[in-house]
N, C-alpha and C. Protein backbone atom coordinates (compact mmCIF):
# COMPACT_ATOMS: atom_id res chain seq x y z
N MET A 1 0.95 -1.22 -0.39
CA MET A 1 -0.12 0.55 0.04
C MET A 1 0.62 0.95 -0.12
N LEU A 2 0.57 2.42 -0.87
CA LEU A 2 1.15 3.38 -0.88
C LEU A 2 1.17 4.15 0.02
N SER A 3 1.97 5.81 0.57
CA SER A 3 1.83 6.12 1.43
C SER A 3 0.94 6.94 0.88
N SER A 4 0.00 8.06 1.76
CA SER A 4 -0.23 8.96 1.16
C SER A 4 0.53 10.02 0.34
N PRO A 5 0.34 11.03 -0.55
CA PRO A 5 1.14 11.62 -1.50
C PRO A 5 0.65 13.27 -0.57
N THR A 6 1.85 13.50 -1.31
CA THR A 6 1.75 15.06 -1.64
C THR A 6 1.38 15.90 -2.42
N ALA A 7 1.40 15.05 -3.24
CA ALA A 7 0.47 15.88 -4.50
C ALA A 7 -0.62 14.61 -5.34
N VAL A 8 -1.00 14.65 -6.04
CA VAL A 8 -1.31 14.28 -6.88
C VAL A 8 -1.77 15.04 -8.20
N VAL A 9 -1.15 14.39 -9.42
CA VAL A 9 -0.91 15.20 -10.62
C VAL A 9 -1.17 13.97 -11.76
N PHE A 10 -2.73 14.20 -12.71
CA PHE A 10 -3.50 13.18 -13.23
C PHE A 10 -3.72 13.71 -14.99
N ASP A 11 -3.20 12.59 -15.54
CA ASP A 11 -3.51 12.43 -16.87
C ASP A 11 -5.61 13.00 -17.03
N TRP A 12 -5.71 13.12 -18.27
CA TRP A 12 -6.86 13.98 -18.24
C TRP A 12 -7.89 13.07 -19.32
N ASP A 13 -7.49 12.68 -20.15
CA ASP A 13 -8.44 11.41 -20.71
C ASP A 13 -8.38 10.00 -20.26
N SER A 14 -10.23 9.91 -20.35
CA SER A 14 -9.67 8.50 -20.20
C SER A 14 -9.12 8.55 -18.81
N THR A 15 -9.48 9.21 -18.06
CA THR A 15 -8.80 8.80 -16.45
C THR A 15 -9.65 9.92 -15.98
N LEU A 16 -8.99 11.08 -16.23
CA LEU A 16 -11.04 12.41 -15.53
C LEU A 16 -11.94 12.48 -16.70
N ALA A 17 -11.57 12.24 -17.31
CA ALA A 17 -12.61 13.10 -18.83
C ALA A 17 -12.50 11.89 -19.38
N ASP A 18 -13.73 12.16 -20.14
CA ASP A 18 -14.34 10.96 -21.31
C ASP A 18 -14.95 11.61 -22.39
N ASN A 19 -14.21 12.47 -23.71
CA ASN A 19 -14.04 13.28 -24.63
C ASN A 19 -13.96 12.38 -25.75
N TRP A 20 -13.83 10.49 -25.66
CA TRP A 20 -13.68 9.67 -26.92
C TRP A 20 -14.95 9.98 -28.00
N GLY A 21 -15.94 10.47 -28.00
CA GLY A 21 -17.15 10.87 -28.74
C GLY A 21 -16.59 11.87 -29.77
N SER A 22 -16.65 12.93 -28.63
CA SER A 22 -15.65 14.24 -29.63
C SER A 22 -14.78 14.01 -30.57
N PHE A 23 -13.14 13.43 -30.10
CA PHE A 23 -12.00 13.10 -30.67
C PHE A 23 -12.30 12.22 -31.88
N THR A 24 -12.80 10.94 -31.76
CA THR A 24 -13.41 10.50 -33.15
C THR A 24 -13.97 10.77 -33.79
N LEU A 25 -15.02 11.91 -33.66
CA LEU A 25 -16.18 12.15 -34.59
C LEU A 25 -14.63 13.14 -35.52
N VAL A 26 -14.01 14.29 -34.60
CA VAL A 26 -13.11 14.70 -35.31
C VAL A 26 -12.07 14.54 -36.22
N MET A 27 -11.67 12.95 -35.54
CA MET A 27 -10.29 12.68 -36.28
C MET A 27 -10.74 12.13 -37.29
N ASN A 28 -12.19 11.70 -37.94
CA ASN A 28 -12.62 11.21 -38.57
C ASN A 28 -12.88 12.37 -39.93
N LYS A 29 -13.63 13.13 -39.15
CA LYS A 29 -13.43 13.97 -40.81
C LYS A 29 -12.19 14.88 -40.80
N THR A 30 -11.08 14.72 -40.45
CA THR A 30 -9.86 14.89 -40.88
C THR A 30 -8.77 14.29 -41.33
N TYR A 31 -9.30 12.63 -41.23
CA TYR A 31 -9.11 11.59 -42.51
C TYR A 31 -9.69 11.48 -43.50
N ALA A 32 -11.04 12.06 -43.78
CA ALA A 32 -11.89 12.29 -44.74
C ALA A 32 -11.73 13.16 -45.49
N ALA A 33 -11.10 14.55 -45.04
CA ALA A 33 -10.42 15.58 -45.76
C ALA A 33 -9.69 15.00 -46.87
N PHE A 34 -8.10 13.73 -46.22
CA PHE A 34 -7.22 13.58 -47.20
C PHE A 34 -7.88 12.33 -47.66
N GLY A 35 -9.42 11.77 -47.81
CA GLY A 35 -9.60 10.72 -48.26
C GLY A 35 -8.85 9.28 -48.27
N MET A 36 -8.54 9.66 -46.78
CA MET A 36 -8.73 8.57 -46.21
C MET A 36 -9.41 7.48 -45.23
N PRO A 37 -9.88 6.65 -45.15
CA PRO A 37 -10.55 5.05 -43.96
C PRO A 37 -10.33 5.90 -42.99
N THR A 38 -11.79 6.48 -42.45
CA THR A 38 -12.46 6.63 -41.21
C THR A 38 -11.48 5.17 -40.37
N ARG A 39 -12.00 4.67 -39.12
CA ARG A 39 -11.13 4.78 -37.89
C ARG A 39 -12.44 4.84 -37.28
N THR A 40 -12.28 3.52 -35.92
CA THR A 40 -12.68 3.30 -34.83
C THR A 40 -12.51 3.91 -33.33
N GLU A 41 -13.67 4.45 -32.13
CA GLU A 41 -13.19 4.95 -30.67
C GLU A 41 -11.83 3.90 -30.34
N ALA A 42 -11.33 2.44 -31.13
CA ALA A 42 -10.94 1.62 -30.10
C ALA A 42 -9.62 1.80 -30.69
N ASP A 43 -9.26 2.13 -32.14
CA ASP A 43 -8.28 2.60 -32.97
C ASP A 43 -7.56 3.57 -32.28
N TYR A 44 -8.39 4.61 -31.97
CA TYR A 44 -7.91 6.27 -31.71
C TYR A 44 -7.68 6.08 -30.44
N ARG A 45 -7.61 4.77 -29.46
CA ARG A 45 -7.19 5.63 -28.37
C ARG A 45 -6.35 4.22 -27.87
N ALA A 46 -5.76 3.63 -29.06
CA ALA A 46 -4.73 2.51 -28.80
C ALA A 46 -3.37 3.56 -29.28
N VAL A 47 -3.18 5.27 -29.85
CA VAL A 47 -2.06 5.84 -30.02
C VAL A 47 -2.15 7.33 -29.51
N ALA A 48 -3.93 7.91 -28.96
CA ALA A 48 -3.91 9.08 -28.44
C ALA A 48 -3.15 9.36 -27.40
N ALA A 49 -2.29 8.76 -26.80
CA ALA A 49 -1.61 8.80 -25.75
C ALA A 49 -0.43 10.35 -25.93
N ARG A 50 -0.20 9.25 -27.30
CA ARG A 50 0.89 10.81 -28.12
C ARG A 50 0.33 11.77 -28.60
N SER A 51 0.82 12.94 -28.17
CA SER A 51 0.57 14.13 -28.79
C SER A 51 0.30 14.47 -30.02
N ALA A 52 -0.27 15.43 -30.96
CA ALA A 52 -0.81 15.78 -32.18
C ALA A 52 0.89 16.11 -32.93
N ARG A 53 1.10 16.29 -32.06
CA ARG A 53 2.73 16.55 -32.89
C ARG A 53 3.89 15.54 -32.97
N GLU A 54 3.90 14.57 -32.84
CA GLU A 54 4.29 13.43 -32.61
C GLU A 54 3.48 12.53 -33.92
N VAL A 55 2.53 12.99 -34.13
CA VAL A 55 1.59 11.42 -34.08
C VAL A 55 1.52 11.86 -35.77
N PHE A 56 0.58 13.43 -35.87
CA PHE A 56 0.20 13.75 -37.30
C PHE A 56 1.34 13.56 -38.08
N PRO A 57 2.51 13.61 -38.30
CA PRO A 57 4.02 13.84 -39.25
C PRO A 57 3.86 12.36 -39.90
N GLU A 58 3.66 11.08 -38.54
CA GLU A 58 3.38 9.88 -38.96
C GLU A 58 2.35 9.42 -39.93
N ILE A 59 1.47 10.42 -39.42
CA ILE A 59 0.01 9.74 -40.33
C ILE A 59 0.04 10.56 -41.80
N PHE A 60 0.24 11.56 -42.00
CA PHE A 60 -0.35 12.10 -42.78
C PHE A 60 0.85 13.24 -44.04
N GLY A 61 2.00 12.15 -43.02
CA GLY A 61 3.83 13.20 -44.18
C GLY A 61 4.05 14.45 -43.64
N ASP A 62 4.02 14.79 -45.27
CA ASP A 62 4.53 16.51 -45.47
C ASP A 62 2.57 17.36 -45.53
N GLN A 63 1.68 16.33 -44.75
CA GLN A 63 0.58 17.84 -45.21
C GLN A 63 -0.01 16.81 -44.39
N ALA A 64 1.42 17.21 -43.19
CA ALA A 64 0.92 17.49 -41.03
C ALA A 64 0.42 18.17 -40.96
N ALA A 65 0.65 19.39 -41.45
CA ALA A 65 0.20 20.86 -40.81
C ALA A 65 -1.23 21.17 -41.12
N HIS A 66 -1.46 20.94 -42.32
CA HIS A 66 -2.73 20.72 -43.37
C HIS A 66 -3.70 20.12 -42.37
N ALA A 67 -3.21 19.04 -41.91
CA ALA A 67 -3.98 18.11 -41.12
C ALA A 67 -4.48 18.25 -39.94
N HIS A 68 -3.42 18.96 -39.76
CA HIS A 68 -3.97 20.33 -37.73
C HIS A 68 -4.46 20.93 -38.17
N GLU A 69 -4.29 21.76 -39.12
CA GLU A 69 -5.28 22.77 -39.22
C GLU A 69 -7.03 22.54 -39.17
N ILE A 70 -6.93 21.14 -39.58
CA ILE A 70 -8.33 20.63 -40.23
C ILE A 70 -8.61 20.59 -39.43
N PHE A 71 -8.02 19.89 -37.79
CA PHE A 71 -7.65 19.05 -36.86
C PHE A 71 -8.39 19.80 -35.96
N TYR A 72 -7.35 20.81 -35.40
CA TYR A 72 -7.91 22.33 -35.66
C TYR A 72 -8.83 22.85 -35.01
N ARG A 73 -9.53 23.08 -36.79
CA ARG A 73 -10.98 24.27 -37.10
C ARG A 73 -12.25 23.04 -36.58
N GLU A 74 -11.50 21.44 -36.60
CA GLU A 74 -13.16 20.87 -36.49
C GLU A 74 -13.52 20.29 -34.69
N PHE A 75 -12.05 20.84 -34.19
CA PHE A 75 -11.98 20.07 -32.38
C PHE A 75 -12.66 21.80 -31.40
N THR A 76 -11.83 22.67 -32.16
CA THR A 76 -12.01 23.58 -31.43
C THR A 76 -14.18 23.79 -31.44
N ALA A 77 -14.87 23.69 -32.33
CA ALA A 77 -15.74 23.53 -32.54
C ALA A 77 -16.74 22.08 -32.49
N LEU A 78 -16.70 21.23 -31.73
CA LEU A 78 -17.11 19.73 -31.44
C LEU A 78 -15.87 19.62 -29.94
N HIS A 79 -15.53 20.08 -29.42
CA HIS A 79 -14.93 19.25 -28.11
C HIS A 79 -14.79 19.53 -27.01
N LEU A 80 -16.44 20.47 -26.92
CA LEU A 80 -17.45 20.18 -25.80
C LEU A 80 -18.71 19.91 -25.49
N SER A 81 -18.85 18.97 -26.84
CA SER A 81 -20.23 18.38 -27.27
C SER A 81 -20.30 17.36 -26.71
N LYS A 82 -19.28 16.56 -26.55
CA LYS A 82 -19.90 14.79 -25.83
C LYS A 82 -19.24 14.89 -24.51
N LEU A 83 -18.50 15.82 -24.43
CA LEU A 83 -17.39 15.76 -22.63
C LEU A 83 -18.45 15.22 -21.81
N ARG A 84 -17.52 13.99 -20.64
CA ARG A 84 -18.11 14.06 -19.92
C ARG A 84 -17.51 13.65 -18.85
N PRO A 85 -17.71 13.96 -17.33
CA PRO A 85 -16.56 13.33 -15.62
C PRO A 85 -17.09 11.91 -16.21
N MET A 86 -15.06 11.67 -15.66
CA MET A 86 -15.39 9.85 -15.40
C MET A 86 -16.12 9.53 -14.27
N GLN A 87 -16.79 8.35 -14.10
CA GLN A 87 -17.51 7.72 -13.45
C GLN A 87 -16.60 8.12 -11.61
N GLY A 88 -16.89 8.48 -10.25
CA GLY A 88 -15.80 8.97 -9.61
C GLY A 88 -15.40 10.13 -9.43
N ALA A 89 -15.04 10.75 -10.98
CA ALA A 89 -13.56 12.09 -10.52
C ALA A 89 -14.09 12.83 -9.79
N GLU A 90 -15.39 13.55 -9.49
CA GLU A 90 -15.89 14.17 -9.21
C GLU A 90 -15.61 14.73 -7.71
N SER A 91 -15.86 13.31 -7.35
CA SER A 91 -15.80 12.81 -5.93
C SER A 91 -14.10 12.75 -5.19
N LEU A 92 -13.40 11.88 -6.37
CA LEU A 92 -11.91 11.89 -6.61
C LEU A 92 -11.54 13.23 -5.73
N LEU A 93 -12.27 13.97 -6.65
CA LEU A 93 -11.02 15.48 -6.45
C LEU A 93 -11.86 15.85 -5.36
N ALA A 94 -13.32 15.60 -5.14
CA ALA A 94 -13.16 16.36 -3.31
C ALA A 94 -12.38 15.88 -2.05
N HIS A 95 -12.18 14.34 -2.43
CA HIS A 95 -11.90 14.06 -0.90
C HIS A 95 -10.65 14.26 -1.56
N LEU A 96 -10.30 14.71 -2.32
CA LEU A 96 -8.54 14.89 -2.34
C LEU A 96 -8.01 16.97 -2.52
N GLN A 97 -8.84 17.23 -1.91
CA GLN A 97 -8.91 18.68 -2.08
C GLN A 97 -9.29 19.20 -0.56
N LYS A 98 -10.54 18.23 -0.32
CA LYS A 98 -10.27 17.71 1.16
C LYS A 98 -9.68 17.80 2.33
N ALA A 99 -8.14 16.81 1.83
CA ALA A 99 -7.06 16.67 2.47
C ALA A 99 -5.60 17.44 2.31
N ASP A 100 -6.34 18.40 1.15
CA ASP A 100 -5.56 19.83 1.46
C ASP A 100 -4.07 18.86 0.88
N ILE A 101 -4.64 18.62 -0.79
CA ILE A 101 -3.38 17.99 -1.18
C ILE A 101 -3.36 18.35 -2.80
N LEU A 102 -1.79 18.65 -2.99
CA LEU A 102 -2.33 19.95 -4.39
C LEU A 102 -2.64 19.18 -5.47
N LEU A 103 -2.76 19.21 -6.47
CA LEU A 103 -3.56 19.06 -7.36
C LEU A 103 -3.11 19.33 -8.55
N SER A 104 -2.70 19.41 -9.47
CA SER A 104 -2.55 19.43 -10.98
C SER A 104 -2.91 18.20 -12.17
N ILE A 105 -2.78 18.63 -13.36
CA ILE A 105 -3.26 18.09 -14.73
C ILE A 105 -1.82 17.97 -15.75
N VAL A 106 -0.99 16.65 -16.12
CA VAL A 106 -0.42 16.78 -17.47
C VAL A 106 -1.50 16.23 -18.05
N SER A 107 -1.25 16.58 -19.41
CA SER A 107 -1.93 15.51 -20.59
C SER A 107 -1.68 16.53 -21.87
N ASN A 108 -1.12 15.09 -22.74
CA ASN A 108 -0.92 15.55 -24.40
C ASN A 108 -1.26 16.27 -25.40
N LYS A 109 -2.97 16.37 -24.31
CA LYS A 109 -3.41 16.87 -25.47
C LYS A 109 -3.43 18.94 -25.52
N SER A 110 -3.59 19.61 -26.38
CA SER A 110 -3.18 20.41 -27.00
C SER A 110 -3.84 21.15 -25.00
N GLY A 111 -2.73 22.22 -24.51
CA GLY A 111 -3.47 22.59 -23.54
C GLY A 111 -4.40 23.19 -23.19
N GLU A 112 -4.75 24.49 -25.22
CA GLU A 112 -5.92 25.39 -25.14
C GLU A 112 -7.14 24.54 -24.98
N PHE A 113 -7.44 23.11 -25.72
CA PHE A 113 -8.49 22.66 -25.60
C PHE A 113 -8.11 22.42 -24.09
N LEU A 114 -7.43 21.78 -23.69
CA LEU A 114 -7.28 21.25 -21.99
C LEU A 114 -7.69 21.38 -21.55
N ARG A 115 -7.54 23.19 -21.20
CA ARG A 115 -8.11 24.05 -20.13
C ARG A 115 -9.48 24.65 -20.41
N ARG A 116 -10.06 24.43 -22.13
CA ARG A 116 -10.99 25.06 -22.04
C ARG A 116 -11.98 23.62 -21.56
N GLU A 117 -11.80 21.90 -21.55
CA GLU A 117 -12.13 21.25 -21.43
C GLU A 117 -12.25 21.14 -19.75
N VAL A 118 -11.97 21.42 -18.88
CA VAL A 118 -11.84 21.36 -17.35
C VAL A 118 -12.54 22.33 -17.31
N GLU A 119 -12.51 23.59 -17.93
CA GLU A 119 -14.10 25.74 -17.45
C GLU A 119 -15.20 24.42 -17.64
N HIS A 120 -15.29 23.89 -18.77
CA HIS A 120 -16.47 23.61 -19.32
C HIS A 120 -17.42 22.53 -18.23
N LEU A 121 -16.42 22.11 -17.15
CA LEU A 121 -16.97 20.95 -16.36
C LEU A 121 -16.24 21.35 -14.65
N LEU A 122 -16.19 22.69 -14.95
CA LEU A 122 -16.13 24.12 -14.35
C LEU A 122 -15.46 24.08 -12.74
N TRP A 123 -13.98 22.78 -13.65
CA TRP A 123 -13.47 22.19 -12.33
C TRP A 123 -11.87 22.81 -12.26
N THR A 124 -11.66 24.26 -12.73
CA THR A 124 -10.53 25.10 -12.95
C THR A 124 -9.85 24.86 -12.21
N ASP A 125 -11.33 25.62 -10.89
CA ASP A 125 -9.88 25.90 -9.73
C ASP A 125 -9.97 24.95 -8.61
N LYS A 126 -10.40 23.62 -9.17
CA LYS A 126 -9.64 22.39 -8.17
C LYS A 126 -8.32 22.59 -8.35
N PHE A 127 -7.74 23.14 -9.68
CA PHE A 127 -6.08 22.56 -9.70
C PHE A 127 -5.06 23.52 -9.18
N HIS A 128 -4.06 22.88 -9.36
CA HIS A 128 -2.29 24.11 -8.63
C HIS A 128 -2.57 25.01 -10.31
N ARG A 129 -2.32 23.32 -11.66
CA ARG A 129 -1.46 23.53 -12.69
C ARG A 129 -2.25 23.30 -13.52
N ILE A 130 -2.35 23.54 -14.76
CA ILE A 130 -3.54 22.95 -15.81
C ILE A 130 -2.19 22.35 -16.71
N VAL A 131 -0.94 22.09 -16.72
CA VAL A 131 -0.39 21.77 -17.95
C VAL A 131 -0.69 20.61 -19.72
N GLY A 132 -0.50 21.57 -20.81
CA GLY A 132 -1.09 20.48 -21.76
C GLY A 132 0.05 20.30 -22.54
N ALA A 133 0.04 19.36 -24.11
CA ALA A 133 0.82 19.59 -25.52
C ALA A 133 1.18 21.06 -25.67
N ASN A 134 2.51 20.77 -25.55
CA ASN A 134 3.04 22.23 -26.00
C ASN A 134 3.43 22.95 -25.17
N ASP A 135 2.93 23.00 -23.84
CA ASP A 135 3.41 24.13 -22.29
C ASP A 135 4.35 23.78 -22.23
N ALA A 136 4.54 22.82 -22.26
CA ALA A 136 6.49 22.42 -22.03
C ALA A 136 7.70 22.11 -22.95
N ALA A 137 8.74 22.60 -22.75
CA ALA A 137 9.40 22.39 -23.60
C ALA A 137 9.50 20.95 -24.85
N SER A 138 8.83 20.06 -24.04
CA SER A 138 8.61 18.65 -24.34
C SER A 138 7.48 18.34 -23.90
N ASP A 139 6.42 17.19 -24.24
CA ASP A 139 5.21 16.33 -23.47
C ASP A 139 5.93 15.46 -22.97
N LYS A 140 4.75 14.84 -22.51
CA LYS A 140 4.68 13.51 -22.08
C LYS A 140 5.21 11.81 -23.12
N PRO A 141 6.27 11.33 -22.50
CA PRO A 141 6.36 10.58 -21.54
C PRO A 141 7.64 11.83 -20.93
N SER A 142 8.71 12.98 -21.65
CA SER A 142 9.10 13.87 -20.72
C SER A 142 8.72 13.98 -19.52
N ALA A 143 10.34 14.20 -18.73
CA ALA A 143 9.40 14.50 -17.27
C ALA A 143 9.54 16.19 -17.59
N GLU A 144 9.78 16.91 -17.93
CA GLU A 144 9.24 18.09 -18.60
C GLU A 144 8.26 18.52 -17.91
N PRO A 145 7.16 18.48 -18.22
CA PRO A 145 5.47 18.83 -17.96
C PRO A 145 5.36 18.22 -16.60
N MET A 146 5.83 17.76 -15.85
CA MET A 146 5.43 17.35 -14.39
C MET A 146 6.58 18.54 -13.62
N THR A 147 7.44 18.80 -14.10
CA THR A 147 8.60 20.09 -12.87
C THR A 147 7.38 21.26 -12.57
N LEU A 148 6.47 21.70 -14.44
CA LEU A 148 5.38 22.74 -14.78
C LEU A 148 4.60 22.46 -13.76
N ALA A 149 4.27 21.16 -13.84
CA ALA A 149 2.67 20.98 -13.27
C ALA A 149 2.94 21.45 -10.83
N LEU A 150 4.30 21.12 -10.63
CA LEU A 150 4.22 21.26 -9.27
C LEU A 150 5.15 22.84 -9.11
N GLU A 151 5.33 23.55 -10.07
CA GLU A 151 6.20 24.81 -10.13
C GLU A 151 5.08 25.64 -9.15
N GLY A 152 6.27 26.01 -8.23
CA GLY A 152 5.41 27.06 -7.21
C GLY A 152 3.84 26.89 -6.10
N GLY A 153 4.39 25.24 -6.06
CA GLY A 153 3.53 24.34 -5.34
C GLY A 153 3.97 23.75 -3.60
N GLY A 154 5.54 23.97 -4.41
CA GLY A 154 6.11 23.78 -2.99
C GLY A 154 6.17 22.43 -2.96
N VAL A 155 6.19 21.26 -3.75
CA VAL A 155 6.05 19.84 -3.36
C VAL A 155 7.02 19.62 -5.09
N PRO A 156 8.12 18.91 -4.58
CA PRO A 156 8.98 18.65 -5.30
C PRO A 156 8.35 17.14 -5.82
N ALA A 157 8.94 16.27 -6.98
CA ALA A 157 9.05 15.81 -8.08
C ALA A 157 9.74 14.46 -7.15
N ASN A 158 8.43 13.70 -6.60
CA ASN A 158 9.73 12.38 -6.18
C ASN A 158 8.56 10.97 -5.76
N LYS A 159 9.12 10.16 -4.86
CA LYS A 159 8.16 9.50 -4.64
C LYS A 159 6.75 9.62 -3.93
N GLN A 160 6.67 10.78 -2.95
CA GLN A 160 4.97 11.10 -2.47
C GLN A 160 4.47 11.99 -3.42
N VAL A 161 4.45 12.15 -4.94
CA VAL A 161 3.99 12.61 -5.78
C VAL A 161 2.63 11.76 -6.77
N TRP A 162 2.29 10.99 -6.73
CA TRP A 162 0.84 10.52 -7.45
C TRP A 162 1.28 11.09 -8.47
N TYR A 163 1.53 9.79 -10.31
CA TYR A 163 0.81 10.36 -11.07
C TYR A 163 -0.17 9.32 -12.15
N VAL A 164 -1.63 9.80 -11.96
CA VAL A 164 -2.43 9.24 -12.04
C VAL A 164 -3.15 8.95 -13.36
N GLY A 165 -2.27 8.06 -14.26
CA GLY A 165 -2.98 7.53 -15.37
C GLY A 165 -3.58 6.12 -15.99
N ASP A 166 -3.79 6.18 -17.61
CA ASP A 166 -4.78 5.42 -17.88
C ASP A 166 -3.89 4.17 -19.09
N THR A 167 -2.61 4.65 -19.21
CA THR A 167 -1.68 3.98 -20.31
C THR A 167 -0.63 4.09 -19.91
N ALA A 168 -0.37 3.37 -20.92
CA ALA A 168 1.38 2.44 -20.88
C ALA A 168 2.47 3.71 -20.89
N LEU A 169 1.87 5.53 -21.75
CA LEU A 169 2.73 5.99 -21.40
C LEU A 169 3.02 6.92 -20.56
N ASP A 170 1.46 6.82 -19.75
CA ASP A 170 1.59 7.72 -18.42
C ASP A 170 2.40 7.05 -17.42
N MET A 171 2.45 5.62 -17.20
CA MET A 171 3.73 4.82 -16.26
C MET A 171 5.17 5.13 -16.50
N GLN A 172 4.96 5.38 -18.03
CA GLN A 172 6.14 6.20 -18.22
C GLN A 172 7.15 7.48 -17.93
N PHE A 173 5.50 7.78 -17.85
CA PHE A 173 6.45 9.49 -17.50
C PHE A 173 6.19 9.30 -16.15
N ALA A 174 5.66 8.88 -15.65
CA ALA A 174 5.65 8.81 -13.97
C ALA A 174 7.42 8.52 -13.30
N HIS A 175 7.33 7.10 -14.27
CA HIS A 175 8.82 6.08 -12.98
C HIS A 175 10.19 7.76 -14.42
N ASN A 176 9.49 8.45 -15.41
CA ASN A 176 10.37 9.44 -15.72
C ASN A 176 10.57 10.95 -14.54
N ALA A 177 10.07 10.87 -13.97
CA ALA A 177 9.54 12.16 -13.38
C ALA A 177 10.11 11.38 -11.99
N GLY A 178 10.29 9.81 -11.75
CA GLY A 178 10.47 10.28 -10.40
C GLY A 178 9.49 10.12 -9.39
N CYS A 179 8.39 9.52 -9.57
CA CYS A 179 6.88 9.99 -8.47
C CYS A 179 6.27 8.14 -9.28
N ARG A 180 5.23 8.24 -8.38
CA ARG A 180 4.34 7.43 -8.70
C ARG A 180 3.42 7.65 -9.44
N ALA A 181 3.44 5.58 -9.84
CA ALA A 181 2.64 5.22 -11.45
C ALA A 181 1.51 4.70 -11.24
N VAL A 182 0.37 5.44 -11.23
CA VAL A 182 -0.86 4.87 -10.24
C VAL A 182 -1.67 4.60 -11.55
N LEU A 183 -2.28 3.79 -12.00
CA LEU A 183 -2.59 2.95 -13.08
C LEU A 183 -4.61 2.73 -12.69
N VAL A 184 -5.33 3.49 -13.63
CA VAL A 184 -6.84 4.22 -12.93
C VAL A 184 -7.43 3.31 -14.28
N ASN A 185 -9.01 3.03 -13.96
CA ASN A 185 -9.72 2.53 -14.79
C ASN A 185 -8.29 1.05 -15.55
N ALA A 186 -8.30 0.51 -15.10
CA ALA A 186 -7.32 -0.74 -15.69
C ALA A 186 -7.84 -1.83 -15.97
N GLU A 187 -9.70 -1.78 -16.25
CA GLU A 187 -10.49 -3.05 -15.96
C GLU A 187 -9.68 -3.07 -17.21
N ARG A 188 -9.79 -2.52 -18.45
CA ARG A 188 -10.43 -2.78 -19.37
C ARG A 188 -8.34 -2.81 -20.66
N ARG A 189 -7.11 -3.32 -19.38
CA ARG A 189 -6.04 -2.15 -20.14
C ARG A 189 -5.31 -4.75 -19.89
N ASP A 190 -4.54 -4.39 -20.27
CA ASP A 190 -3.84 -6.17 -20.45
C ASP A 190 -2.61 -5.60 -19.72
N LEU A 191 -2.17 -5.35 -18.11
CA LEU A 191 -1.08 -5.37 -17.47
C LEU A 191 0.13 -6.20 -17.94
N ALA A 192 0.48 -6.67 -19.34
CA ALA A 192 1.49 -7.14 -20.05
C ALA A 192 2.00 -5.98 -20.63
N ASP A 193 1.05 -4.73 -21.17
CA ASP A 193 2.22 -4.03 -21.59
C ASP A 193 2.39 -3.02 -21.75
N PHE A 194 2.66 -3.35 -19.93
CA PHE A 194 2.82 -1.95 -18.36
C PHE A 194 4.56 -2.88 -18.36
N ALA A 195 5.29 -3.86 -18.55
CA ALA A 195 5.65 -4.41 -17.98
C ALA A 195 7.39 -3.21 -18.18
N ASP A 196 7.30 -2.53 -19.05
CA ASP A 196 9.17 -1.72 -19.10
C ASP A 196 8.52 -0.79 -17.76
N TYR A 197 7.51 -0.09 -18.40
CA TYR A 197 7.09 0.47 -16.53
C TYR A 197 6.07 0.66 -15.64
N PRO A 198 6.39 -0.37 -15.33
CA PRO A 198 6.01 -0.98 -14.02
C PRO A 198 4.90 -0.04 -12.92
N PRO A 199 3.06 0.32 -12.41
CA PRO A 199 2.80 0.51 -11.75
C PRO A 199 3.42 0.32 -10.73
N ASP A 200 2.69 1.29 -9.89
CA ASP A 200 3.36 0.99 -8.28
C ASP A 200 1.86 0.91 -7.79
N MET A 201 0.70 1.14 -8.82
CA MET A 201 -0.43 0.69 -8.06
C MET A 201 -1.69 0.62 -9.59
N VAL A 202 -2.43 -0.28 -9.16
CA VAL A 202 -3.52 -0.46 -9.70
C VAL A 202 -4.67 -0.45 -9.35
N VAL A 203 -5.74 0.53 -10.15
CA VAL A 203 -6.57 0.09 -9.69
C VAL A 203 -8.42 0.87 -10.96
N ASP A 204 -9.16 -0.44 -10.23
CA ASP A 204 -10.33 0.06 -11.94
C ASP A 204 -10.70 0.94 -11.90
N SER A 205 -11.12 1.78 -11.25
CA SER A 205 -11.55 3.23 -11.25
C SER A 205 -11.19 4.48 -10.08
N CYS A 206 -11.93 5.65 -10.54
CA CYS A 206 -11.43 6.57 -9.93
C CYS A 206 -12.22 6.55 -8.68
N ASP A 207 -13.65 5.63 -8.74
CA ASP A 207 -14.03 5.05 -6.61
C ASP A 207 -13.04 4.13 -6.13
N ALA A 208 -12.19 3.38 -6.56
CA ALA A 208 -11.29 2.56 -5.78
C ALA A 208 -9.70 3.46 -5.71
N LEU A 209 -10.30 3.98 -6.38
CA LEU A 209 -8.47 5.11 -5.85
C LEU A 209 -9.81 5.92 -3.96
N ILE A 210 -10.54 6.29 -4.93
CA ILE A 210 -11.02 6.89 -2.82
C ILE A 210 -10.94 5.39 -2.19
N ASP A 211 -11.14 4.41 -2.30
CA ASP A 211 -11.15 4.04 -1.45
C ASP A 211 -9.79 3.47 -0.71
N HIS A 212 -8.95 3.34 -1.34
CA HIS A 212 -8.03 2.78 -1.39
C HIS A 212 -7.38 4.12 -0.26
N LEU A 213 -7.82 5.28 -0.97
CA LEU A 213 -6.74 6.36 0.13
C LEU A 213 -7.41 6.72 1.54
N ARG A 214 -8.71 5.85 1.72
CA ARG A 214 -9.66 6.32 2.82
C ARG A 214 -8.71 4.96 3.79
N THR A 215 -7.87 4.02 3.36
CA THR A 215 -7.62 3.02 4.55
C THR A 215 -6.93 3.84 4.71
């Protein structure tokens, strides 16, 4: 069992928020603009842990900048339309706030979109820092976004800081930053995928993480 944290830093998508409906719709519009076949939500889930600045050149080649313009335009219009909190996320944040634990977010979603989504759920005031893609010099799994997320909070990046996420890249990020790696929403994951960067704790949901914190 892990000792109580001094800070908890969260991933966003599929950790605190579910926005796969909007993301899938917008990515399919982007693919269609280039005459490419559309994909399923599961296809996008497999690659979405990485930031667009890393993934788009692999998908669209020398058209990556144009593809990003299309994605940005469509996502700006649609990304709040299907956004919802993950089950238990709001209760988890309230529990941590009551315990006076520093909270931040580090996501590979565009910082602009990320902060809009946090504000849409009326959660902005819950977090010390909200760090998205391009806010730091490099994105997850680089440790640099963690430094930014904790800056000014009086808490150094160490094993008393938990990073809570749902992907192997999130666990790699936690290891790189020298923090505890907490895998949440693990019921749909194959733990063999986490062999290189194993989590320090595995829970099936935000509700299960609350139960752990209460023990």
